[in-house]
N, C-alpha and C. Protein backbone atom coordinates (compact mmCIF):
# COMPACT_ATOMS: atom_id res chain seq x y z
N UNK A 1 141.66 142.73 -111.71
CA UNK A 1 140.44 143.51 -111.93
C UNK A 1 139.62 143.55 -110.65
N UNK A 2 138.96 144.65 -110.44
CA UNK A 2 138.18 144.81 -109.23
C UNK A 2 136.74 144.41 -109.38
N UNK A 3 136.04 144.51 -108.31
CA UNK A 3 134.61 144.21 -108.27
C UNK A 3 133.84 145.44 -108.73
N UNK A 4 132.90 145.28 -109.65
CA UNK A 4 132.14 146.45 -110.13
C UNK A 4 131.15 146.96 -109.08
N UNK A 5 130.94 148.27 -109.09
CA UNK A 5 129.99 148.90 -108.18
C UNK A 5 129.37 150.09 -108.88
N UNK A 6 128.04 150.20 -108.85
CA UNK A 6 127.33 151.33 -109.41
C UNK A 6 127.19 152.41 -108.34
N UNK A 7 127.71 153.60 -108.63
CA UNK A 7 127.61 154.74 -107.70
C UNK A 7 126.94 155.88 -108.45
N UNK A 8 125.70 156.12 -108.12
CA UNK A 8 124.94 157.22 -108.74
C UNK A 8 124.98 157.15 -110.27
N UNK A 9 124.84 155.95 -110.82
CA UNK A 9 124.82 155.76 -112.26
C UNK A 9 126.18 155.63 -112.92
N UNK A 10 127.25 155.77 -112.17
CA UNK A 10 128.61 155.63 -112.72
C UNK A 10 129.21 154.30 -112.27
N UNK A 11 129.93 153.67 -113.17
CA UNK A 11 130.54 152.37 -112.85
C UNK A 11 131.92 152.59 -112.23
N UNK A 12 132.09 152.11 -111.03
CA UNK A 12 133.36 152.13 -110.32
C UNK A 12 133.81 150.67 -110.12
N UNK A 13 135.07 150.47 -109.87
CA UNK A 13 135.55 149.14 -109.47
C UNK A 13 136.15 149.28 -108.08
N UNK A 14 136.01 148.23 -107.31
CA UNK A 14 136.51 148.19 -105.94
C UNK A 14 137.53 147.07 -105.85
N UNK A 15 138.69 147.36 -105.30
CA UNK A 15 139.71 146.33 -105.12
C UNK A 15 140.52 146.63 -103.86
N UNK A 16 141.38 145.71 -103.52
CA UNK A 16 142.26 145.88 -102.38
C UNK A 16 143.47 146.69 -102.79
N UNK A 17 143.98 147.50 -101.89
CA UNK A 17 145.24 148.17 -102.18
C UNK A 17 146.36 147.17 -101.96
N UNK A 18 147.52 147.46 -102.44
CA UNK A 18 148.65 146.54 -102.29
C UNK A 18 149.30 146.60 -100.93
N UNK A 19 148.96 147.59 -100.15
CA UNK A 19 149.59 147.76 -98.84
C UNK A 19 148.97 146.79 -97.83
N UNK A 20 149.79 145.96 -97.20
CA UNK A 20 149.30 145.00 -96.21
C UNK A 20 150.19 145.02 -94.98
N UNK A 21 149.65 144.49 -93.91
CA UNK A 21 150.41 144.30 -92.68
C UNK A 21 150.53 142.80 -92.44
N UNK A 22 151.35 142.38 -91.52
CA UNK A 22 151.48 140.93 -91.26
C UNK A 22 150.26 140.32 -90.58
N UNK A 23 149.32 141.14 -90.15
CA UNK A 23 148.18 140.64 -89.40
C UNK A 23 146.92 140.65 -90.25
N UNK A 24 146.36 139.47 -90.52
CA UNK A 24 145.18 139.38 -91.36
C UNK A 24 143.95 140.04 -90.75
N UNK A 25 143.90 140.15 -89.43
CA UNK A 25 142.73 140.72 -88.77
C UNK A 25 142.75 142.25 -88.78
N UNK A 26 143.86 142.85 -89.17
CA UNK A 26 143.94 144.31 -89.22
C UNK A 26 142.96 144.87 -90.23
N UNK A 27 142.63 146.14 -90.03
CA UNK A 27 141.87 146.81 -91.07
C UNK A 27 142.78 147.01 -92.27
N UNK A 28 142.16 147.17 -93.42
CA UNK A 28 142.93 147.38 -94.64
C UNK A 28 142.16 148.34 -95.52
N UNK A 29 142.79 148.74 -96.60
CA UNK A 29 142.19 149.76 -97.46
C UNK A 29 141.59 149.15 -98.72
N UNK A 30 140.47 149.72 -99.12
CA UNK A 30 139.84 149.41 -100.40
C UNK A 30 140.00 150.63 -101.29
N UNK A 31 140.28 150.38 -102.56
CA UNK A 31 140.40 151.49 -103.50
C UNK A 31 139.23 151.42 -104.48
N UNK A 32 138.57 152.54 -104.66
CA UNK A 32 137.47 152.68 -105.62
C UNK A 32 138.04 153.45 -106.81
N UNK A 33 137.86 152.91 -108.02
CA UNK A 33 138.39 153.56 -109.22
C UNK A 33 137.31 153.75 -110.26
N UNK A 34 137.38 154.89 -110.93
CA UNK A 34 136.44 155.21 -112.01
C UNK A 34 137.26 155.81 -113.16
N UNK A 35 137.15 155.21 -114.34
CA UNK A 35 137.89 155.71 -115.50
C UNK A 35 139.24 155.02 -115.64
N UNK A 36 140.04 155.54 -116.58
CA UNK A 36 141.35 154.97 -116.85
C UNK A 36 142.37 156.08 -117.08
N UNK A 37 143.63 155.70 -117.04
CA UNK A 37 144.71 156.64 -117.35
C UNK A 37 144.82 157.78 -116.36
N UNK A 38 145.41 158.88 -116.80
CA UNK A 38 145.66 160.00 -115.89
C UNK A 38 144.40 160.71 -115.42
N UNK A 39 143.28 160.51 -116.10
CA UNK A 39 142.02 161.13 -115.68
C UNK A 39 141.22 160.25 -114.73
N UNK A 40 141.76 159.09 -114.40
CA UNK A 40 141.07 158.14 -113.52
C UNK A 40 140.85 158.77 -112.14
N UNK A 41 139.68 158.53 -111.59
CA UNK A 41 139.37 158.99 -110.23
C UNK A 41 139.60 157.83 -109.28
N UNK A 42 140.20 158.11 -108.15
CA UNK A 42 140.43 157.09 -107.13
C UNK A 42 140.04 157.63 -105.77
N UNK A 43 139.41 156.74 -104.99
CA UNK A 43 139.05 157.05 -103.62
C UNK A 43 139.42 155.84 -102.77
N UNK A 44 139.72 156.08 -101.50
CA UNK A 44 140.18 155.02 -100.61
C UNK A 44 139.34 155.03 -99.33
N UNK A 45 139.00 153.84 -98.85
CA UNK A 45 138.28 153.70 -97.58
C UNK A 45 138.95 152.60 -96.77
N UNK A 46 139.01 152.78 -95.47
CA UNK A 46 139.54 151.76 -94.56
C UNK A 46 138.42 150.81 -94.19
N UNK A 47 138.77 149.53 -94.04
CA UNK A 47 137.76 148.51 -93.77
C UNK A 47 138.31 147.50 -92.77
N UNK A 48 137.51 147.15 -91.78
CA UNK A 48 137.87 146.12 -90.81
C UNK A 48 137.01 144.89 -91.06
N UNK A 49 137.63 143.79 -91.46
CA UNK A 49 136.82 142.59 -91.74
C UNK A 49 136.20 142.02 -90.48
N UNK A 50 135.00 141.52 -90.61
CA UNK A 50 134.30 140.89 -89.46
C UNK A 50 134.21 139.40 -89.65
N UNK A 51 134.27 138.63 -90.22
CA UNK A 51 134.12 137.22 -90.48
C UNK A 51 135.39 136.67 -91.03
N UNK A 52 135.52 136.73 -92.28
CA UNK A 52 136.68 136.15 -92.95
C UNK A 52 137.96 136.90 -92.58
N UNK A 53 139.00 136.15 -92.40
CA UNK A 53 140.30 136.74 -92.09
C UNK A 53 141.08 137.10 -93.36
N UNK A 54 140.74 136.51 -94.47
CA UNK A 54 141.45 136.81 -95.71
C UNK A 54 140.85 138.05 -96.36
N UNK A 55 141.71 138.92 -96.81
CA UNK A 55 141.25 140.20 -97.35
C UNK A 55 140.32 140.03 -98.55
N UNK A 56 140.71 139.19 -99.50
CA UNK A 56 139.89 139.00 -100.70
C UNK A 56 138.53 138.41 -100.34
N UNK A 57 138.51 137.48 -99.41
CA UNK A 57 137.24 136.88 -98.99
C UNK A 57 136.38 137.91 -98.26
N UNK A 58 137.00 138.76 -97.45
CA UNK A 58 136.25 139.79 -96.74
C UNK A 58 135.61 140.77 -97.72
N UNK A 59 136.35 141.13 -98.77
CA UNK A 59 135.79 142.01 -99.80
C UNK A 59 134.62 141.32 -100.50
N UNK A 60 134.77 140.06 -100.83
CA UNK A 60 133.71 139.31 -101.51
C UNK A 60 132.45 139.19 -100.65
N UNK A 61 132.61 139.17 -99.34
CA UNK A 61 131.48 139.02 -98.43
C UNK A 61 130.66 140.31 -98.27
N UNK A 62 131.22 141.44 -98.66
CA UNK A 62 130.50 142.72 -98.53
C UNK A 62 129.39 142.82 -99.57
N UNK A 63 128.25 143.31 -99.15
CA UNK A 63 127.15 143.53 -100.09
C UNK A 63 127.42 144.83 -100.85
N UNK A 64 126.69 145.03 -101.94
CA UNK A 64 126.82 146.29 -102.68
C UNK A 64 126.44 147.48 -101.80
N UNK A 65 125.45 147.31 -100.94
CA UNK A 65 125.04 148.39 -100.05
C UNK A 65 126.16 148.74 -99.07
N UNK A 66 126.86 147.73 -98.56
CA UNK A 66 127.98 147.98 -97.66
C UNK A 66 129.12 148.68 -98.39
N UNK A 67 129.38 148.26 -99.63
CA UNK A 67 130.43 148.90 -100.41
C UNK A 67 130.07 150.35 -100.71
N UNK A 68 128.81 150.59 -101.03
CA UNK A 68 128.36 151.95 -101.29
C UNK A 68 128.52 152.82 -100.04
N UNK A 69 128.23 152.28 -98.88
CA UNK A 69 128.41 153.02 -97.63
C UNK A 69 129.88 153.35 -97.42
N UNK A 70 130.77 152.41 -97.73
CA UNK A 70 132.21 152.67 -97.62
C UNK A 70 132.65 153.73 -98.63
N UNK A 71 132.09 153.67 -99.83
CA UNK A 71 132.40 154.69 -100.83
C UNK A 71 132.02 156.08 -100.32
N UNK A 72 130.88 156.19 -99.69
CA UNK A 72 130.38 157.48 -99.21
C UNK A 72 131.29 158.10 -98.14
N UNK A 73 132.07 157.27 -97.44
CA UNK A 73 132.99 157.80 -96.43
C UNK A 73 134.45 157.73 -96.89
N UNK A 74 134.65 157.41 -98.16
CA UNK A 74 136.02 157.30 -98.68
C UNK A 74 136.66 158.67 -98.83
N UNK A 75 137.97 158.65 -99.00
CA UNK A 75 138.70 159.90 -99.19
C UNK A 75 139.40 159.87 -100.53
N UNK A 76 139.68 161.04 -101.12
CA UNK A 76 140.41 161.07 -102.38
C UNK A 76 141.78 160.41 -102.24
N UNK A 77 142.23 159.73 -103.27
CA UNK A 77 143.51 159.04 -103.24
C UNK A 77 144.67 159.97 -102.91
N UNK A 78 144.57 161.21 -103.33
CA UNK A 78 145.65 162.17 -103.08
C UNK A 78 145.83 162.48 -101.60
N UNK A 79 144.89 162.05 -100.76
CA UNK A 79 145.01 162.28 -99.32
C UNK A 79 145.25 160.98 -98.56
N UNK A 80 145.60 159.92 -99.28
CA UNK A 80 145.73 158.59 -98.68
C UNK A 80 147.15 158.04 -98.76
N UNK A 81 147.72 157.62 -97.64
CA UNK A 81 149.06 157.03 -97.69
C UNK A 81 149.10 155.72 -98.48
N UNK A 82 147.99 154.98 -98.51
CA UNK A 82 147.95 153.73 -99.28
C UNK A 82 148.19 153.96 -100.76
N UNK A 83 147.81 155.12 -101.25
CA UNK A 83 147.97 155.45 -102.66
C UNK A 83 149.15 156.39 -102.88
N UNK A 84 149.97 156.53 -101.87
CA UNK A 84 151.17 157.38 -101.91
C UNK A 84 150.83 158.83 -102.25
N UNK A 85 149.66 159.25 -101.83
CA UNK A 85 149.23 160.64 -102.01
C UNK A 85 149.20 161.07 -103.47
N UNK A 86 148.93 160.13 -104.38
CA UNK A 86 148.86 160.45 -105.81
C UNK A 86 147.42 160.38 -106.29
N UNK A 87 147.10 161.23 -107.23
CA UNK A 87 145.75 161.21 -107.83
C UNK A 87 145.56 160.00 -108.71
N UNK A 88 146.43 159.80 -109.67
CA UNK A 88 146.34 158.66 -110.59
C UNK A 88 147.72 158.41 -111.17
N UNK A 89 147.90 157.20 -111.61
CA UNK A 89 149.16 156.85 -112.27
C UNK A 89 148.97 156.95 -113.75
N UNK A 90 149.94 157.48 -114.44
CA UNK A 90 149.85 157.64 -115.90
C UNK A 90 149.96 156.32 -116.60
């Protein structure tokens, strides 16, 4: 389960994508999800951790304001290689 985030009155969850590299200091992708099933909305943003080297810890260290800023620059999942260019999984 992801971390909850309120975006303009709608509840989204933020989590790490499954795609990783061997280097913990690399940037990685966060996936924002709203809804469930085939109608679920997904957006992806790239993130470079500044403190913690572990991805989960870096996500936990972000404030809601920082997550909201990342959401605002995110791209639809259908345009993201991390999500295999798919809108949602059934």
